[in-house]
Amino acid sequence: SAQIADLQQKLLDADNGDRAKQRWDSIATILEAKCALKYLLRELVSSKVQESKLQSSLAQSQASCSDVQKMLMEERNHTAELEAEFQNQILVQEQQHQEKVNHSSSKSW
């Protein structure tokens, strides 16, 4: 049934495309040409407005993406700093432990 509905929609789209082409092909008077031109200009303006909105939205999305990337890089740097600090603390703890082990084993001898 989904395929049938898809095929029906394709037929309707093709039929509408043919009708539009027939309408354009059947323009015979200056008045019809003026009406068609007005329609095309309205569509052009509408498309330009839509394009402008999409360009603005794209610019905002790019700026937002840039901000997120900057925050991500800052977080990665912070995480790397914390990891280095943690590794340093582990090293200090291991050294202290080794000193205690060495100190206690030298007492027992």
N, C-alpha and C. Protein backbone atom coordinates (compact mmCIF):
# COMPACT_ATOMS: atom_id res chain seq x y z
N SER A 1 0.83 -1.20 0.00
CA SER A 1 0.00 0.00 0.00
C SER A 1 0.87 1.26 0.00
N ALA A 2 2.05 1.15 0.64
CA ALA A 2 2.96 2.31 0.65
C ALA A 2 3.48 2.56 -0.76
N GLN A 3 3.77 1.49 -1.50
CA GLN A 3 4.24 1.64 -2.87
C GLN A 3 3.15 2.22 -3.76
N ILE A 4 1.93 1.78 -3.53
CA ILE A 4 0.81 2.30 -4.32
C ILE A 4 0.63 3.79 -4.05
N ALA A 5 0.70 4.17 -2.78
CA ALA A 5 0.55 5.58 -2.43
C ALA A 5 1.69 6.40 -3.03
N ASP A 6 2.89 5.84 -3.03
CA ASP A 6 4.04 6.52 -3.62
C ASP A 6 3.85 6.71 -5.11
N LEU A 7 3.39 5.66 -5.78
CA LEU A 7 3.16 5.76 -7.22
C LEU A 7 2.04 6.77 -7.54
N GLN A 8 0.99 6.76 -6.71
CA GLN A 8 -0.09 7.72 -6.92
C GLN A 8 0.41 9.15 -6.77
N GLN A 9 1.28 9.36 -5.77
CA GLN A 9 1.84 10.70 -5.56
C GLN A 9 2.71 11.11 -6.74
N LYS A 10 3.49 10.17 -7.25
CA LYS A 10 4.32 10.47 -8.42
C LYS A 10 3.47 10.83 -9.63
N LEU A 11 2.36 10.12 -9.81
CA LEU A 11 1.45 10.44 -10.93
C LEU A 11 0.86 11.83 -10.77
N LEU A 12 0.45 12.17 -9.53
CA LEU A 12 -0.10 13.50 -9.28
C LEU A 12 0.94 14.58 -9.54
N ASP A 13 2.18 14.35 -9.09
CA ASP A 13 3.25 15.32 -9.30
C ASP A 13 3.53 15.50 -10.79
N ALA A 14 3.57 14.40 -11.52
CA ALA A 14 3.81 14.46 -12.96
C ALA A 14 2.68 15.20 -13.66
N ASP A 15 1.44 14.91 -13.24
CA ASP A 15 0.27 15.57 -13.83
C ASP A 15 0.32 17.06 -13.56
N ASN A 16 0.66 17.44 -12.32
CA ASN A 16 0.75 18.87 -11.98
C ASN A 16 1.86 19.54 -12.77
N GLY A 17 2.97 18.86 -12.96
CA GLY A 17 4.06 19.41 -13.76
C GLY A 17 3.63 19.63 -15.20
N ASP A 18 2.89 18.66 -15.75
CA ASP A 18 2.38 18.79 -17.11
C ASP A 18 1.40 19.95 -17.22
N ARG A 19 0.55 20.10 -16.21
CA ARG A 19 -0.44 21.19 -16.23
C ARG A 19 0.27 22.54 -16.19
N ALA A 20 1.28 22.66 -15.34
CA ALA A 20 2.01 23.92 -15.24
C ALA A 20 2.68 24.23 -16.58
N LYS A 21 3.28 23.23 -17.19
CA LYS A 21 3.93 23.44 -18.48
C LYS A 21 2.90 23.84 -19.53
N GLN A 22 1.74 23.20 -19.49
CA GLN A 22 0.69 23.55 -20.45
C GLN A 22 0.22 24.99 -20.24
N ARG A 23 0.13 25.40 -18.96
CA ARG A 23 -0.29 26.78 -18.68
C ARG A 23 0.71 27.76 -19.27
N TRP A 24 2.00 27.50 -19.07
CA TRP A 24 3.02 28.39 -19.60
C TRP A 24 3.02 28.36 -21.13
N ASP A 25 2.83 27.20 -21.68
CA ASP A 25 2.82 27.08 -23.14
C ASP A 25 1.60 27.73 -23.76
N SER A 26 0.51 27.86 -22.98
CA SER A 26 -0.73 28.38 -23.56
C SER A 26 -0.88 29.90 -23.38
N ILE A 27 0.15 30.58 -22.89
CA ILE A 27 0.08 32.04 -22.76
C ILE A 27 0.01 32.64 -24.17
N ALA A 28 -1.06 33.38 -24.39
CA ALA A 28 -1.28 33.89 -25.75
C ALA A 28 -1.41 35.41 -25.81
N THR A 29 -1.72 36.03 -24.66
CA THR A 29 -1.94 37.48 -24.71
C THR A 29 -0.93 38.19 -23.80
N ILE A 30 -0.83 39.49 -24.02
CA ILE A 30 0.06 40.31 -23.20
C ILE A 30 -0.41 40.28 -21.75
N LEU A 31 -1.70 40.33 -21.53
CA LEU A 31 -2.26 40.31 -20.18
C LEU A 31 -1.87 39.01 -19.47
N GLU A 32 -1.98 37.89 -20.16
CA GLU A 32 -1.58 36.61 -19.56
C GLU A 32 -0.08 36.61 -19.27
N ALA A 33 0.70 37.19 -20.18
CA ALA A 33 2.14 37.25 -19.98
C ALA A 33 2.49 38.12 -18.78
N LYS A 34 1.78 39.26 -18.62
CA LYS A 34 2.00 40.13 -17.47
C LYS A 34 1.66 39.40 -16.17
N CYS A 35 0.56 38.68 -16.16
CA CYS A 35 0.17 37.92 -14.96
C CYS A 35 1.22 36.86 -14.64
N ALA A 36 1.69 36.19 -15.67
CA ALA A 36 2.71 35.16 -15.47
C ALA A 36 4.00 35.79 -14.94
N LEU A 37 4.35 36.94 -15.48
CA LEU A 37 5.56 37.64 -15.05
C LEU A 37 5.42 38.08 -13.59
N LYS A 38 4.26 38.61 -13.23
CA LYS A 38 4.03 39.01 -11.84
C LYS A 38 4.17 37.81 -10.91
N TYR A 39 3.60 36.68 -11.33
CA TYR A 39 3.70 35.45 -10.53
C TYR A 39 5.16 35.05 -10.36
N LEU A 40 5.91 35.06 -11.46
CA LEU A 40 7.32 34.68 -11.40
C LEU A 40 8.12 35.63 -10.51
N LEU A 41 7.83 36.91 -10.59
CA LEU A 41 8.54 37.87 -9.74
C LEU A 41 8.21 37.66 -8.26
N ARG A 42 6.93 37.37 -7.96
CA ARG A 42 6.56 37.07 -6.57
C ARG A 42 7.31 35.84 -6.07
N GLU A 43 7.39 34.81 -6.94
CA GLU A 43 8.12 33.60 -6.57
C GLU A 43 9.60 33.88 -6.37
N LEU A 44 10.16 34.74 -7.22
CA LEU A 44 11.57 35.11 -7.10
C LEU A 44 11.82 35.83 -5.78
N VAL A 45 10.97 36.79 -5.46
CA VAL A 45 11.11 37.52 -4.20
C VAL A 45 10.99 36.57 -3.02
N SER A 46 10.00 35.70 -3.08
CA SER A 46 9.80 34.72 -2.01
C SER A 46 11.03 33.83 -1.86
N SER A 47 11.57 33.40 -2.98
CA SER A 47 12.78 32.56 -2.93
C SER A 47 13.96 33.32 -2.36
N LYS A 48 14.11 34.57 -2.73
CA LYS A 48 15.22 35.39 -2.21
C LYS A 48 15.07 35.60 -0.70
N VAL A 49 13.86 35.83 -0.25
CA VAL A 49 13.61 36.00 1.19
C VAL A 49 13.97 34.71 1.92
N GLN A 50 13.51 33.60 1.38
CA GLN A 50 13.81 32.30 1.98
C GLN A 50 15.31 32.04 1.99
N GLU A 51 15.98 32.37 0.89
CA GLU A 51 17.43 32.20 0.81
C GLU A 51 18.13 33.04 1.87
N SER A 52 17.68 34.27 2.04
CA SER A 52 18.27 35.16 3.04
C SER A 52 18.09 34.60 4.45
N LYS A 53 16.91 34.09 4.72
CA LYS A 53 16.65 33.49 6.03
C LYS A 53 17.55 32.27 6.26
N LEU A 54 17.69 31.45 5.22
CA LEU A 54 18.53 30.27 5.34
C LEU A 54 20.00 30.65 5.51
N GLN A 55 20.44 31.68 4.81
CA GLN A 55 21.82 32.15 4.95
C GLN A 55 22.07 32.65 6.37
N SER A 56 21.11 33.39 6.91
CA SER A 56 21.23 33.89 8.27
C SER A 56 21.27 32.73 9.27
N SER A 57 20.40 31.78 9.06
CA SER A 57 20.36 30.60 9.93
C SER A 57 21.67 29.83 9.85
N LEU A 58 22.21 29.70 8.65
CA LEU A 58 23.48 29.02 8.45
C LEU A 58 24.60 29.75 9.18
N ALA A 59 24.63 31.07 9.07
CA ALA A 59 25.66 31.86 9.75
C ALA A 59 25.56 31.69 11.26
N GLN A 60 24.34 31.70 11.78
CA GLN A 60 24.16 31.50 13.22
C GLN A 60 24.61 30.10 13.63
N SER A 61 24.27 29.12 12.84
CA SER A 61 24.68 27.75 13.14
C SER A 61 26.19 27.60 13.10
N GLN A 62 26.83 28.25 12.12
CA GLN A 62 28.29 28.18 12.04
C GLN A 62 28.93 28.86 13.25
N ALA A 63 28.38 30.00 13.67
CA ALA A 63 28.91 30.69 14.85
C ALA A 63 28.73 29.83 16.09
N SER A 64 27.57 29.21 16.20
CA SER A 64 27.30 28.33 17.33
C SER A 64 28.25 27.14 17.33
N CYS A 65 28.46 26.57 16.17
CA CYS A 65 29.38 25.44 16.03
C CYS A 65 30.79 25.85 16.43
N SER A 66 31.19 27.02 16.00
CA SER A 66 32.52 27.53 16.35
C SER A 66 32.65 27.70 17.86
N ASP A 67 31.61 28.22 18.49
CA ASP A 67 31.62 28.38 19.94
C ASP A 67 31.73 27.04 20.65
N VAL A 68 30.97 26.06 20.17
CA VAL A 68 31.00 24.73 20.77
C VAL A 68 32.38 24.09 20.58
N GLN A 69 32.97 24.27 19.40
CA GLN A 69 34.30 23.73 19.16
C GLN A 69 35.33 24.37 20.09
N LYS A 70 35.19 25.67 20.31
CA LYS A 70 36.10 26.38 21.20
C LYS A 70 35.95 25.85 22.63
N MET A 71 34.70 25.68 23.06
CA MET A 71 34.46 25.15 24.41
C MET A 71 35.01 23.73 24.53
N LEU A 72 34.83 22.93 23.51
CA LEU A 72 35.34 21.56 23.51
C LEU A 72 36.85 21.55 23.64
N MET A 73 37.52 22.41 22.90
CA MET A 73 38.97 22.49 22.97
C MET A 73 39.42 22.94 24.36
N GLU A 74 38.72 23.89 24.93
CA GLU A 74 39.06 24.34 26.28
C GLU A 74 38.89 23.20 27.29
N GLU A 75 37.79 22.45 27.14
CA GLU A 75 37.56 21.32 28.04
C GLU A 75 38.61 20.23 27.86
N ARG A 76 39.02 19.98 26.64
CA ARG A 76 40.07 18.99 26.40
C ARG A 76 41.38 19.43 27.05
N ASN A 77 41.70 20.72 26.89
CA ASN A 77 42.92 21.24 27.52
C ASN A 77 42.85 21.12 29.03
N HIS A 78 41.69 21.46 29.59
CA HIS A 78 41.50 21.37 31.04
C HIS A 78 41.63 19.92 31.49
N THR A 79 41.02 19.00 30.73
CA THR A 79 41.11 17.58 31.07
C THR A 79 42.55 17.10 31.00
N ALA A 80 43.28 17.55 29.99
CA ALA A 80 44.69 17.16 29.88
C ALA A 80 45.50 17.69 31.06
N GLU A 81 45.20 18.91 31.48
CA GLU A 81 45.89 19.48 32.65
C GLU A 81 45.58 18.67 33.90
N LEU A 82 44.30 18.34 34.09
CA LEU A 82 43.91 17.54 35.25
C LEU A 82 44.56 16.17 35.22
N GLU A 83 44.61 15.57 34.04
CA GLU A 83 45.22 14.25 33.92
C GLU A 83 46.72 14.32 34.25
N ALA A 84 47.38 15.36 33.76
CA ALA A 84 48.81 15.52 34.07
C ALA A 84 49.01 15.71 35.57
N GLU A 85 48.15 16.50 36.17
CA GLU A 85 48.24 16.73 37.62
C GLU A 85 48.00 15.42 38.37
N PHE A 86 47.02 14.66 37.93
CA PHE A 86 46.71 13.38 38.56
C PHE A 86 47.89 12.42 38.43
N GLN A 87 48.47 12.35 37.23
CA GLN A 87 49.63 11.48 37.02
C GLN A 87 50.79 11.91 37.92
N ASN A 88 50.97 13.20 38.08
CA ASN A 88 52.02 13.71 38.95
C ASN A 88 51.76 13.31 40.40
N GLN A 89 50.51 13.39 40.83
CA GLN A 89 50.17 12.99 42.20
C GLN A 89 50.42 11.50 42.39
N ILE A 90 50.10 10.70 41.39
CA ILE A 90 50.35 9.26 41.48
C ILE A 90 51.85 9.01 41.62
N LEU A 91 52.63 9.71 40.83
CA LEU A 91 54.08 9.56 40.89
C LEU A 91 54.61 9.93 42.27
N VAL A 92 54.13 11.03 42.82
CA VAL A 92 54.55 11.45 44.15
C VAL A 92 54.16 10.40 45.19
N GLN A 93 52.94 9.88 45.09
CA GLN A 93 52.49 8.85 46.03
C GLN A 93 53.35 7.59 45.91
N GLU A 94 53.66 7.20 44.68
CA GLU A 94 54.49 6.01 44.48
C GLU A 94 55.89 6.23 45.06
N GLN A 95 56.43 7.43 44.88
CA GLN A 95 57.76 7.73 45.41
C GLN A 95 57.75 7.70 46.95
N GLN A 96 56.68 8.28 47.52
CA GLN A 96 56.57 8.27 48.98
C GLN A 96 56.43 6.85 49.50
N HIS A 97 55.65 6.06 48.82
CA HIS A 97 55.47 4.68 49.22
C HIS A 97 56.80 3.92 49.13
N GLN A 98 57.51 4.12 48.02
CA GLN A 98 58.80 3.44 47.84
C GLN A 98 59.79 3.86 48.93
N GLU A 99 59.76 5.14 49.29
CA GLU A 99 60.64 5.62 50.36
C GLU A 99 60.29 4.94 51.69
N LYS A 100 58.98 4.80 51.95
CA LYS A 100 58.56 4.13 53.19
C LYS A 100 59.01 2.67 53.18
N VAL A 101 58.83 2.02 52.03
CA VAL A 101 59.23 0.62 51.91
C VAL A 101 60.74 0.49 52.12
N ASN A 102 61.48 1.35 51.46
CA ASN A 102 62.95 1.31 51.60
C ASN A 102 63.37 1.64 53.04
N HIS A 103 62.71 2.59 53.64
CA HIS A 103 63.04 3.00 54.99
C HIS A 103 62.74 1.86 56.00
N SER A 104 61.59 1.22 55.83
CA SER A 104 61.24 0.16 56.77
C SER A 104 62.09 -1.08 56.52
N SER A 105 62.49 -1.36 55.29
CA SER A 105 63.33 -2.53 55.06
C SER A 105 64.76 -2.29 55.54
N SER A 106 65.21 -1.06 55.51
CA SER A 106 66.56 -0.79 56.02
C SER A 106 66.59 -0.86 57.55
N LYS A 107 65.47 -0.60 58.21
CA LYS A 107 65.38 -0.72 59.68
C LYS A 107 65.42 -2.18 60.10
N SER A 108 64.80 -3.03 59.29
CA SER A 108 64.73 -4.42 59.67
C SER A 108 66.06 -5.13 59.50
N TRP A 109 67.00 -4.62 58.77
CA TRP A 109 68.32 -5.24 58.59
C TRP A 109 69.22 -4.73 59.60
